[in-house]
PDB file of all heavy atoms in Angstrom:
ATOM      1  N   GLY A   1      -2.447   2.036   5.314  1.00  0.00           N
ATOM      2  CA  GLY A   1      -2.721   1.602   3.958  1.00  0.00           C
ATOM      3  C   GLY A   1      -2.826   2.753   2.977  1.00  0.00           C
ATOM      4  O   GLY A   1      -2.254   2.705   1.888  1.00  0.00           O
ATOM      5  N   ILE A   2      -3.535   3.808   3.338  1.00  0.00           N
ATOM      6  CA  ILE A   2      -3.689   4.936   2.443  1.00  0.00           C
ATOM      7  C   ILE A   2      -2.382   5.700   2.309  1.00  0.00           C
ATOM      8  O   ILE A   2      -2.049   6.233   1.261  1.00  0.00           O
ATOM      9  CB  ILE A   2      -4.847   5.858   2.886  1.00  0.00           C
ATOM     10  CG1 ILE A   2      -5.331   6.711   1.717  1.00  0.00           C
ATOM     11  CG2 ILE A   2      -4.441   6.708   4.058  1.00  0.00           C
ATOM     12  CD1 ILE A   2      -5.987   5.958   0.601  1.00  0.00           C
ATOM     13  N   ALA A   3      -1.576   5.745   3.386  1.00  0.00           N
ATOM     14  CA  ALA A   3      -0.299   6.414   3.298  1.00  0.00           C
ATOM     15  C   ALA A   3       0.648   5.652   2.337  1.00  0.00           C
ATOM     16  O   ALA A   3       1.362   6.273   1.540  1.00  0.00           O
ATOM     17  CB  ALA A   3       0.361   6.478   4.678  1.00  0.00           C
ATOM     18  N   ALA A   4       0.590   4.338   2.374  1.00  0.00           N
ATOM     19  CA  ALA A   4       1.414   3.555   1.462  1.00  0.00           C
ATOM     20  C   ALA A   4       0.883   3.718   0.034  1.00  0.00           C
ATOM     21  O   ALA A   4       1.670   3.811  -0.918  1.00  0.00           O
ATOM     22  CB  ALA A   4       1.386   2.084   1.857  1.00  0.00           C
ATOM     23  N   ALA A   5      -0.439   3.767  -0.132  1.00  0.00           N
ATOM     24  CA  ALA A   5      -1.033   3.911  -1.470  1.00  0.00           C
ATOM     25  C   ALA A   5      -0.633   5.215  -2.130  1.00  0.00           C
ATOM     26  O   ALA A   5      -0.522   5.300  -3.350  1.00  0.00           O
ATOM     27  CB  ALA A   5      -2.525   3.818  -1.379  1.00  0.00           C
ATOM     28  N   ALA A   6      -0.409   6.232  -1.309  1.00  0.00           N
ATOM     29  CA  ALA A   6      -0.043   7.542  -1.872  1.00  0.00           C
ATOM     30  C   ALA A   6       1.280   7.465  -2.589  1.00  0.00           C
ATOM     31  O   ALA A   6       1.577   8.269  -3.479  1.00  0.00           O
ATOM     32  CB  ALA A   6       0.007   8.579  -0.766  1.00  0.00           C
ATOM     33  N   ASP A   7       2.146   6.533  -2.226  1.00  0.00           N
ATOM     34  CA  ASP A   7       3.462   6.394  -2.859  1.00  0.00           C
ATOM     35  C   ASP A   7       3.515   5.395  -3.984  1.00  0.00           C
ATOM     36  O   ASP A   7       4.537   5.278  -4.673  1.00  0.00           O
ATOM     37  CB  ASP A   7       4.502   5.992  -1.793  1.00  0.00           C
ATOM     38  CG  ASP A   7       4.807   7.112  -0.832  1.00  0.00           C
ATOM     39  OD1 ASP A   7       4.716   8.268  -1.259  1.00  0.00           O
ATOM     40  OD2 ASP A   7       5.169   6.828   0.337  1.00  0.00           O
ATOM     41  N   VAL A   8       2.407   4.690  -4.218  1.00  0.00           N
ATOM     42  CA  VAL A   8       2.387   3.689  -5.275  1.00  0.00           C
ATOM     43  C   VAL A   8       2.675   4.268  -6.656  1.00  0.00           C
ATOM     44  O   VAL A   8       3.440   3.691  -7.448  1.00  0.00           O
ATOM     45  CB  VAL A   8       1.079   2.893  -5.271  1.00  0.00           C
ATOM     46  CG1 VAL A   8       0.975   1.997  -6.496  1.00  0.00           C
ATOM     47  CG2 VAL A   8       0.969   2.049  -3.998  1.00  0.00           C
ATOM     48  N   PRO A   9       2.092   5.451  -7.019  1.00  0.00           N
ATOM     49  CA  PRO A   9       2.391   5.983  -8.350  1.00  0.00           C
ATOM     50  C   PRO A   9       3.872   6.276  -8.582  1.00  0.00           C
ATOM     51  O   PRO A   9       4.309   6.383  -9.717  1.00  0.00           O
ATOM     52  CB  PRO A   9       1.597   7.313  -8.364  1.00  0.00           C
ATOM     53  CG  PRO A   9       0.484   7.097  -7.387  1.00  0.00           C
ATOM     54  CD  PRO A   9       1.083   6.248  -6.316  1.00  0.00           C
ATOM     55  N   GLU A  10       4.649   6.431  -7.535  1.00  0.00           N
ATOM     56  CA  GLU A  10       6.085   6.690  -7.714  1.00  0.00           C
ATOM     57  C   GLU A  10       6.791   5.399  -8.121  1.00  0.00           C
ATOM     58  O   GLU A  10       8.032   5.436  -8.311  1.00  0.00           O
ATOM     59  CB  GLU A  10       6.680   7.212  -6.395  1.00  0.00           C
ATOM     60  CG  GLU A  10       6.104   8.538  -5.930  1.00  0.00           C
ATOM     61  CD  GLU A  10       6.500   9.676  -6.828  1.00  0.00           C
ATOM     62  OE1 GLU A  10       7.556   9.549  -7.501  1.00  0.00           O
ATOM     63  OE2 GLU A  10       5.806  10.691  -6.863  1.00  0.00           O
ATOM     64  N   GLY A  11       6.086   4.303  -8.225  1.00  0.00           N
ATOM     65  CA  GLY A  11       6.723   3.077  -8.705  1.00  0.00           C
ATOM     66  C   GLY A  11       7.363   2.250  -7.582  1.00  0.00           C
ATOM     67  O   GLY A  11       8.189   1.432  -7.846  1.00  0.00           O
ATOM     68  N   ARG A  12       6.955   2.530  -6.340  1.00  0.00           N
ATOM     69  CA  ARG A  12       7.593   1.810  -5.217  1.00  0.00           C
ATOM     70  C   ARG A  12       6.749   0.548  -4.919  1.00  0.00           C
ATOM     71  O   ARG A  12       5.708   0.639  -4.324  1.00  0.00           O
ATOM     72  CB  ARG A  12       7.638   2.699  -3.970  1.00  0.00           C
ATOM     73  CG  ARG A  12       8.468   3.979  -4.236  1.00  0.00           C
ATOM     74  CD  ARG A  12       8.304   4.925  -3.083  1.00  0.00           C
ATOM     75  NE  ARG A  12       8.976   6.207  -3.339  1.00  0.00           N
ATOM     76  CZ  ARG A  12       8.830   7.278  -2.616  1.00  0.00           C
ATOM     77  NH1 ARG A  12       8.030   7.263  -1.591  1.00  0.00           N
ATOM     78  NH2 ARG A  12       9.462   8.396  -2.937  1.00  0.00           N
ATOM     79  N   ARG A  13       7.228  -0.581  -5.349  1.00  0.00           N
ATOM     80  CA  ARG A  13       6.481  -1.824  -5.177  1.00  0.00           C
ATOM     81  C   ARG A  13       6.241  -2.155  -3.701  1.00  0.00           C
ATOM     82  O   ARG A  13       5.203  -2.678  -3.323  1.00  0.00           O
ATOM     83  CB  ARG A  13       7.207  -2.960  -5.871  1.00  0.00           C
ATOM     84  CG  ARG A  13       6.443  -4.264  -5.887  1.00  0.00           C
ATOM     85  CD  ARG A  13       7.107  -5.346  -6.693  1.00  0.00           C
ATOM     86  NE  ARG A  13       6.263  -6.533  -6.764  1.00  0.00           N
ATOM     87  CZ  ARG A  13       5.299  -6.695  -7.602  1.00  0.00           C
ATOM     88  NH1 ARG A  13       5.035  -5.750  -8.480  1.00  0.00           N
ATOM     89  NH2 ARG A  13       4.574  -7.780  -7.658  1.00  0.00           N
ATOM     90  N   ILE A  14       7.214  -1.812  -2.878  1.00  0.00           N
ATOM     91  CA  ILE A  14       7.069  -2.165  -1.484  1.00  0.00           C
ATOM     92  C   ILE A  14       5.866  -1.441  -0.859  1.00  0.00           C
ATOM     93  O   ILE A  14       5.167  -1.955   0.000  1.00  0.00           O
ATOM     94  CB  ILE A  14       8.363  -1.807  -0.698  1.00  0.00           C
ATOM     95  CG1 ILE A  14       8.296  -2.310   0.737  1.00  0.00           C
ATOM     96  CG2 ILE A  14       8.662  -0.317  -0.762  1.00  0.00           C
ATOM     97  CD1 ILE A  14       8.287  -3.799   0.861  1.00  0.00           C
ATOM     98  N   GLU A  15       5.597  -0.192  -1.323  1.00  0.00           N
ATOM     99  CA  GLU A  15       4.453   0.562  -0.826  1.00  0.00           C
ATOM    100  C   GLU A  15       3.149  -0.132  -1.243  1.00  0.00           C
ATOM    101  O   GLU A  15       2.164  -0.143  -0.495  1.00  0.00           O
ATOM    102  CB  GLU A  15       4.477   2.014  -1.299  1.00  0.00           C
ATOM    103  CG  GLU A  15       5.353   2.931  -0.453  1.00  0.00           C
ATOM    104  CD  GLU A  15       6.834   2.713  -0.688  1.00  0.00           C
ATOM    105  OE1 GLU A  15       7.174   2.040  -1.647  1.00  0.00           O
ATOM    106  OE2 GLU A  15       7.642   3.258   0.116  1.00  0.00           O
ATOM    107  N   ALA A  16       3.126  -0.641  -2.478  1.00  0.00           N
ATOM    108  CA  ALA A  16       1.925  -1.343  -2.958  1.00  0.00           C
ATOM    109  C   ALA A  16       1.669  -2.572  -2.081  1.00  0.00           C
ATOM    110  O   ALA A  16       0.522  -2.863  -1.726  1.00  0.00           O
ATOM    111  CB  ALA A  16       2.105  -1.747  -4.422  1.00  0.00           C
ATOM    112  N   GLU A  17       2.763  -3.279  -1.763  1.00  0.00           N
ATOM    113  CA  GLU A  17       2.578  -4.455  -0.923  1.00  0.00           C
ATOM    114  C   GLU A  17       2.077  -4.062   0.469  1.00  0.00           C
ATOM    115  O   GLU A  17       1.206  -4.758   1.041  1.00  0.00           O
ATOM    116  CB  GLU A  17       3.917  -5.192  -0.824  1.00  0.00           C
ATOM    117  CG  GLU A  17       4.346  -5.821  -2.155  1.00  0.00           C
ATOM    118  CD  GLU A  17       5.720  -6.416  -2.068  1.00  0.00           C
ATOM    119  OE1 GLU A  17       6.374  -6.267  -1.011  1.00  0.00           O
ATOM    120  OE2 GLU A  17       6.162  -7.060  -3.067  1.00  0.00           O
ATOM    121  N   ASP A  18       2.592  -2.965   1.005  1.00  0.00           N
ATOM    122  CA  ASP A  18       2.142  -2.511   2.339  1.00  0.00           C
ATOM    123  C   ASP A  18       0.660  -2.097   2.287  1.00  0.00           C
ATOM    124  O   ASP A  18      -0.107  -2.377   3.226  1.00  0.00           O
ATOM    125  CB  ASP A  18       2.963  -1.304   2.789  1.00  0.00           C
ATOM    126  CG  ASP A  18       4.399  -1.684   3.152  1.00  0.00           C
ATOM    127  OD1 ASP A  18       4.649  -2.908   3.308  1.00  0.00           O
ATOM    128  OD2 ASP A  18       5.249  -0.808   3.252  1.00  0.00           O
ATOM    129  N   ALA A  19       0.252  -1.426   1.218  1.00  0.00           N
ATOM    130  CA  ALA A  19      -1.143  -1.005   1.092  1.00  0.00           C
ATOM    131  C   ALA A  19      -2.051  -2.218   1.016  1.00  0.00           C
ATOM    132  O   ALA A  19      -3.122  -2.252   1.661  1.00  0.00           O
ATOM    133  CB  ALA A  19      -1.320  -0.105  -0.139  1.00  0.00           C
ATOM    134  N   LEU A  20      -1.693  -3.222   0.227  1.00  0.00           N
ATOM    135  CA  LEU A  20      -2.523  -4.424   0.096  1.00  0.00           C
ATOM    136  C   LEU A  20      -2.560  -5.225   1.409  1.00  0.00           C
ATOM    137  O   LEU A  20      -3.581  -5.818   1.738  1.00  0.00           O
ATOM    138  CB  LEU A  20      -2.006  -5.296  -1.063  1.00  0.00           C
ATOM    139  CG  LEU A  20      -2.144  -4.647  -2.453  1.00  0.00           C
ATOM    140  CD1 LEU A  20      -1.488  -5.517  -3.501  1.00  0.00           C
ATOM    141  CD2 LEU A  20      -3.609  -4.393  -2.801  1.00  0.00           C
ATOM    142  N   ALA A  21      -1.433  -5.210   2.111  1.00  0.00           N
ATOM    143  CA  ALA A  21      -1.438  -5.872   3.439  1.00  0.00           C
ATOM    144  C   ALA A  21      -2.365  -5.189   4.391  1.00  0.00           C
ATOM    145  O   ALA A  21      -3.075  -5.844   5.203  1.00  0.00           O
ATOM    146  CB  ALA A  21      -0.007  -5.896   4.013  1.00  0.00           C
ATOM    147  N   ALA A  22      -2.469  -3.847   4.327  1.00  0.00           N
ATOM    148  CA  ALA A  22      -3.391  -3.122   5.158  1.00  0.00           C
ATOM    149  C   ALA A  22      -4.838  -3.462   4.834  1.00  0.00           C
ATOM    150  O   ALA A  22      -5.694  -3.537   5.724  1.00  0.00           O
ATOM    151  CB  ALA A  22      -3.163  -1.599   5.001  1.00  0.00           C
ATOM    152  N   VAL A  23      -5.093  -3.708   3.510  1.00  0.00           N
ATOM    153  CA  VAL A  23      -6.456  -4.095   3.124  1.00  0.00           C
ATOM    154  C   VAL A  23      -6.820  -5.426   3.807  1.00  0.00           C
ATOM    155  O   VAL A  23      -7.986  -5.597   4.264  1.00  0.00           O
ATOM    156  CB  VAL A  23      -6.532  -4.240   1.581  1.00  0.00           C
ATOM    157  CG1 VAL A  23      -7.862  -4.864   1.178  1.00  0.00           C
ATOM    158  CG2 VAL A  23      -6.367  -2.872   0.924  1.00  0.00           C
ATOM    159  N   VAL A  24      -5.880  -6.339   3.833  1.00  0.00           N
ATOM    160  CA  VAL A  24      -6.118  -7.640   4.506  1.00  0.00           C
ATOM    161  C   VAL A  24      -6.431  -7.415   5.987  1.00  0.00           C
ATOM    162  O   VAL A  24      -7.365  -8.013   6.541  1.00  0.00           O
ATOM    163  CB  VAL A  24      -4.917  -8.555   4.309  1.00  0.00           C
ATOM    164  CG1 VAL A  24      -5.108  -9.840   5.150  1.00  0.00           C
ATOM    165  CG2 VAL A  24      -4.722  -8.910   2.848  1.00  0.00           C
ATOM    166  N   ARG A  25      -5.651  -6.518   6.628  1.00  0.00           N
ATOM    167  CA  ARG A  25      -5.892  -6.249   8.072  1.00  0.00           C
ATOM    168  C   ARG A  25      -7.250  -5.627   8.291  1.00  0.00           C
ATOM    169  O   ARG A  25      -7.909  -5.917   9.297  1.00  0.00           O
ATOM    170  CB  ARG A  25      -4.801  -5.348   8.627  1.00  0.00           C
ATOM    171  CG  ARG A  25      -3.398  -5.987   8.630  1.00  0.00           C
ATOM    172  CD  ARG A  25      -2.471  -5.317   9.631  1.00  0.00           C
ATOM    173  NE  ARG A  25      -2.328  -3.881   9.395  1.00  0.00           N
ATOM    174  CZ  ARG A  25      -1.491  -3.333   8.519  1.00  0.00           C
ATOM    175  NH1 ARG A  25      -0.714  -4.108   7.785  1.00  0.00           N
ATOM    176  NH2 ARG A  25      -1.408  -2.036   8.393  1.00  0.00           N
ATOM    177  N   LEU A  26      -7.698  -4.802   7.379  1.00  0.00           N
ATOM    178  CA  LEU A  26      -9.020  -4.179   7.486  1.00  0.00           C
ATOM    179  C   LEU A  26     -10.139  -5.248   7.424  1.00  0.00           C
ATOM    180  O   LEU A  26     -11.105  -5.187   8.169  1.00  0.00           O
ATOM    181  CB  LEU A  26      -9.217  -3.120   6.417  1.00  0.00           C
ATOM    182  CG  LEU A  26      -8.474  -1.799   6.641  1.00  0.00           C
ATOM    183  CD1 LEU A  26      -8.458  -0.955   5.365  1.00  0.00           C
ATOM    184  CD2 LEU A  26      -9.142  -1.019   7.797  1.00  0.00           C
ATOM    185  N   THR A  27      -9.942  -6.171   6.490  1.00  0.00           N
ATOM    186  CA  THR A  27     -10.937  -7.281   6.357  1.00  0.00           C
ATOM    187  C   THR A  27     -10.936  -8.106   7.643  1.00  0.00           C
ATOM    188  O   THR A  27     -12.003  -8.501   8.147  1.00  0.00           O
ATOM    189  CB  THR A  27     -10.620  -8.130   5.144  1.00  0.00           C
ATOM    190  OG1 THR A  27     -10.603  -7.317   3.959  1.00  0.00           O
ATOM    191  CG2 THR A  27     -11.644  -9.231   4.991  1.00  0.00           C
TER     192      THR A  27
END
């Protein structure tokens, strides 16, 4: 999740989706 979040500022929507999916898995 944090690895995907690191790429979110670059405008990669897929990374944002991966990071949010990781949040769900953590919960």
